[in-house]
Amino acid sequence: MDTQMIVAEIDAEISRLLQVKALLTGTNAAENRRSGRNSMAGSSEKKRKLSAEARERIAAAQRARWAKSK
């Protein structure tokens, strides 16, 4: 057996073990590898945007808290 064949067999075994691990833990290991995220992180979550009015209300409330603490 040459080294390339041994490495190919090792890679195949690793792939099989990752599939078994994903089945046992209920996660998709291939998806986690592709996205580069932890299995706990929601990969489909999008960042929410605030309206200009909401940002202004938050800023005004923060200014009031700062003024109160001074």
N, C-alpha and C. Protein backbone atom coordinates (compact mmCIF):
# COMPACT_ATOMS: atom_id res chain seq x y z
N MET A 1 0.84 -1.18 0.00
CA MET A 1 0.00 0.00 0.00
C MET A 1 0.89 1.25 0.00
N ASP A 2 0.59 2.15 -0.91
CA ASP A 2 1.36 3.39 -0.91
C ASP A 2 0.71 4.41 0.02
N THR A 3 1.42 5.48 0.31
CA THR A 3 0.96 6.45 1.30
C THR A 3 -0.31 7.18 0.85
N GLN A 4 -0.45 7.42 -0.44
CA GLN A 4 -1.66 8.12 -0.91
C GLN A 4 -2.91 7.28 -0.64
N MET A 5 -2.80 5.99 -0.82
CA MET A 5 -3.95 5.11 -0.57
C MET A 5 -4.27 5.06 0.92
N ILE A 6 -3.25 5.05 1.77
CA ILE A 6 -3.46 5.04 3.21
C ILE A 6 -4.15 6.33 3.64
N VAL A 7 -3.68 7.48 3.11
CA VAL A 7 -4.29 8.76 3.45
C VAL A 7 -5.74 8.80 2.97
N ALA A 8 -6.03 8.26 1.81
CA ALA A 8 -7.40 8.23 1.30
C ALA A 8 -8.29 7.38 2.20
N GLU A 9 -7.79 6.26 2.68
CA GLU A 9 -8.55 5.41 3.59
C GLU A 9 -8.81 6.12 4.92
N ILE A 10 -7.81 6.83 5.42
CA ILE A 10 -7.98 7.58 6.66
C ILE A 10 -9.04 8.66 6.49
N ASP A 11 -8.99 9.39 5.35
CA ASP A 11 -9.99 10.42 5.08
C ASP A 11 -11.39 9.82 5.01
N ALA A 12 -11.52 8.68 4.38
CA ALA A 12 -12.83 8.03 4.27
C ALA A 12 -13.34 7.63 5.65
N GLU A 13 -12.46 7.12 6.50
CA GLU A 13 -12.85 6.73 7.85
C GLU A 13 -13.26 7.94 8.68
N ILE A 14 -12.53 9.04 8.54
CA ILE A 14 -12.88 10.27 9.26
C ILE A 14 -14.26 10.75 8.83
N SER A 15 -14.52 10.70 7.54
CA SER A 15 -15.82 11.11 7.03
C SER A 15 -16.93 10.26 7.61
N ARG A 16 -16.73 8.95 7.66
CA ARG A 16 -17.73 8.05 8.23
C ARG A 16 -17.95 8.35 9.71
N LEU A 17 -16.87 8.59 10.44
CA LEU A 17 -16.99 8.88 11.87
C LEU A 17 -17.72 10.19 12.11
N LEU A 18 -17.47 11.21 11.28
CA LEU A 18 -18.18 12.47 11.42
C LEU A 18 -19.67 12.30 11.16
N GLN A 19 -20.02 11.46 10.20
CA GLN A 19 -21.43 11.20 9.93
C GLN A 19 -22.10 10.51 11.12
N VAL A 20 -21.41 9.56 11.70
CA VAL A 20 -21.96 8.86 12.87
C VAL A 20 -22.11 9.83 14.04
N LYS A 21 -21.11 10.68 14.24
CA LYS A 21 -21.18 11.66 15.32
C LYS A 21 -22.37 12.60 15.11
N ALA A 22 -22.57 13.04 13.88
CA ALA A 22 -23.70 13.94 13.58
C ALA A 22 -25.02 13.24 13.87
N LEU A 23 -25.12 11.98 13.53
CA LEU A 23 -26.35 11.25 13.80
C LEU A 23 -26.60 11.10 15.30
N LEU A 24 -25.55 10.84 16.05
CA LEU A 24 -25.69 10.63 17.48
C LEU A 24 -25.98 11.93 18.23
N THR A 25 -25.39 13.02 17.80
CA THR A 25 -25.58 14.28 18.51
C THR A 25 -26.73 15.10 17.95
N GLY A 26 -27.24 14.73 16.79
CA GLY A 26 -28.35 15.46 16.20
C GLY A 26 -27.94 16.73 15.51
N THR A 27 -26.67 16.87 15.16
CA THR A 27 -26.20 18.05 14.44
C THR A 27 -25.68 17.64 13.09
N ASN A 28 -25.57 18.61 12.21
CA ASN A 28 -25.04 18.35 10.88
C ASN A 28 -23.60 18.88 10.86
N ALA A 29 -22.63 18.00 11.02
CA ALA A 29 -21.23 18.38 11.12
C ALA A 29 -20.74 19.00 9.82
N ALA A 30 -21.21 18.52 8.67
CA ALA A 30 -20.77 19.08 7.40
C ALA A 30 -21.23 20.52 7.26
N GLU A 31 -22.44 20.83 7.70
CA GLU A 31 -22.94 22.20 7.64
C GLU A 31 -22.14 23.11 8.55
N ASN A 32 -21.79 22.63 9.73
CA ASN A 32 -21.01 23.43 10.67
C ASN A 32 -19.62 23.72 10.11
N ARG A 33 -19.04 22.76 9.44
CA ARG A 33 -17.72 22.97 8.84
C ARG A 33 -17.79 24.01 7.74
N ARG A 34 -18.82 23.92 6.90
CA ARG A 34 -18.95 24.86 5.79
C ARG A 34 -19.17 26.28 6.27
N SER A 35 -20.03 26.45 7.23
CA SER A 35 -20.37 27.79 7.68
C SER A 35 -19.31 28.36 8.61
N GLY A 36 -18.51 27.48 9.22
CA GLY A 36 -17.49 27.94 10.15
C GLY A 36 -18.07 28.40 11.47
N ARG A 37 -19.28 27.97 11.76
CA ARG A 37 -19.95 28.37 12.99
C ARG A 37 -20.09 27.19 13.93
N ASN A 38 -20.28 27.54 15.14
CA ASN A 38 -20.53 26.53 16.17
C ASN A 38 -21.94 25.97 15.98
N SER A 39 -22.18 24.76 16.40
CA SER A 39 -23.50 24.17 16.23
C SER A 39 -24.55 24.90 17.05
N MET A 40 -24.15 25.63 18.08
CA MET A 40 -25.09 26.36 18.91
C MET A 40 -25.54 27.65 18.24
N ALA A 41 -24.73 28.18 17.35
CA ALA A 41 -25.07 29.44 16.70
C ALA A 41 -26.11 29.22 15.63
N GLY A 42 -27.07 30.14 15.54
CA GLY A 42 -28.10 30.04 14.51
C GLY A 42 -27.57 30.59 13.20
N SER A 43 -27.36 29.76 12.22
CA SER A 43 -26.79 30.21 10.97
C SER A 43 -27.78 30.96 10.12
N SER A 44 -29.09 30.80 10.37
CA SER A 44 -30.09 31.46 9.54
C SER A 44 -30.58 32.76 10.16
N GLU A 45 -30.05 33.15 11.31
CA GLU A 45 -30.49 34.37 11.94
C GLU A 45 -29.95 35.57 11.18
N LYS A 46 -30.83 36.57 10.99
CA LYS A 46 -30.42 37.79 10.31
C LYS A 46 -30.41 38.93 11.32
N LYS A 47 -29.59 39.92 11.04
CA LYS A 47 -29.50 41.07 11.92
C LYS A 47 -30.76 41.92 11.74
N ARG A 48 -31.37 42.29 12.86
CA ARG A 48 -32.58 43.09 12.80
C ARG A 48 -32.22 44.56 12.69
N LYS A 49 -33.02 45.32 11.97
CA LYS A 49 -32.78 46.74 11.78
C LYS A 49 -33.81 47.54 12.57
N LEU A 50 -33.34 48.63 13.16
CA LEU A 50 -34.22 49.54 13.88
C LEU A 50 -34.59 50.69 12.96
N SER A 51 -35.80 51.20 13.14
CA SER A 51 -36.21 52.37 12.38
C SER A 51 -35.52 53.60 12.98
N ALA A 52 -35.54 54.68 12.23
CA ALA A 52 -34.93 55.91 12.71
C ALA A 52 -35.63 56.41 13.97
N GLU A 53 -36.96 56.24 14.00
CA GLU A 53 -37.72 56.67 15.18
C GLU A 53 -37.33 55.85 16.41
N ALA A 54 -37.16 54.57 16.24
CA ALA A 54 -36.79 53.71 17.36
C ALA A 54 -35.40 54.06 17.88
N ARG A 55 -34.46 54.32 16.95
CA ARG A 55 -33.12 54.71 17.38
C ARG A 55 -33.16 56.03 18.15
N GLU A 56 -33.99 56.97 17.70
CA GLU A 56 -34.10 58.26 18.38
C GLU A 56 -34.70 58.10 19.77
N ARG A 57 -35.72 57.24 19.91
CA ARG A 57 -36.32 57.01 21.23
C ARG A 57 -35.30 56.39 22.18
N ILE A 58 -34.52 55.45 21.67
CA ILE A 58 -33.50 54.81 22.51
C ILE A 58 -32.44 55.83 22.91
N ALA A 59 -32.03 56.67 21.96
CA ALA A 59 -31.02 57.69 22.26
C ALA A 59 -31.54 58.69 23.28
N ALA A 60 -32.80 59.09 23.13
CA ALA A 60 -33.38 60.05 24.08
C ALA A 60 -33.46 59.43 25.48
N ALA A 61 -33.84 58.17 25.57
CA ALA A 61 -33.91 57.51 26.86
C ALA A 61 -32.53 57.41 27.49
N GLN A 62 -31.51 57.13 26.68
CA GLN A 62 -30.14 57.05 27.21
C GLN A 62 -29.66 58.42 27.68
N ARG A 63 -29.97 59.47 26.91
CA ARG A 63 -29.59 60.82 27.34
C ARG A 63 -30.26 61.17 28.67
N ALA A 64 -31.52 60.76 28.83
CA ALA A 64 -32.23 61.02 30.09
C ALA A 64 -31.56 60.28 31.25
N ARG A 65 -31.13 59.04 31.01
CA ARG A 65 -30.44 58.28 32.07
C ARG A 65 -29.13 58.95 32.43
N TRP A 66 -28.38 59.41 31.41
CA TRP A 66 -27.11 60.10 31.69
C TRP A 66 -27.34 61.37 32.48
N ALA A 67 -28.36 62.14 32.08
CA ALA A 67 -28.67 63.39 32.77
C ALA A 67 -29.08 63.13 34.22
N LYS A 68 -29.83 62.06 34.44
CA LYS A 68 -30.26 61.72 35.79
C LYS A 68 -29.08 61.34 36.69
N SER A 69 -28.08 60.67 36.11
CA SER A 69 -26.95 60.21 36.91
C SER A 69 -25.96 61.33 37.22
N LYS A 70 -26.02 62.42 36.46
CA LYS A 70 -25.07 63.54 36.69
C LYS A 70 -25.44 64.38 37.83
